[in-house]
């Protein structure tokens, strides 16, 4: 059942004034996990946000900082399973990452919510041997 998304009256957990704090925390968390990762290992970096600053930009930061870090592509191949691929799965702005976006565009151009929540971001990062 698809429900139209209504404006939330609740205050956002993040805003422009504390975004840099949250991004800094995300960077410290992903870097800590990566430094503890064994060579040849992988880690999943995921957030419950669709904000590019907290997601793709943090992953790019890690890739730029560590030469032994690389993206392990995550995808849902929509070409082979078009009828079975959920419409809320989309590629992130960083190749190999994905987003679970609860908003879809209906035929009339109005965004509708097909999942509850604000969405998710997912990436998989490897550490070279």
Foldseek 3Di string as FASTA:
>chain_A
DWAADDDDPDDDPDDPVCPVVLLVVLLVVVVVVVVPADAFDKDKDKDQALDCSNAVVSLVVVVVVDVQKDWDADDDPCVVVVVPDDPQWDARPDGRKIKRAQWDQDPVRGTIGNDDGGIMIMTMMHGHD
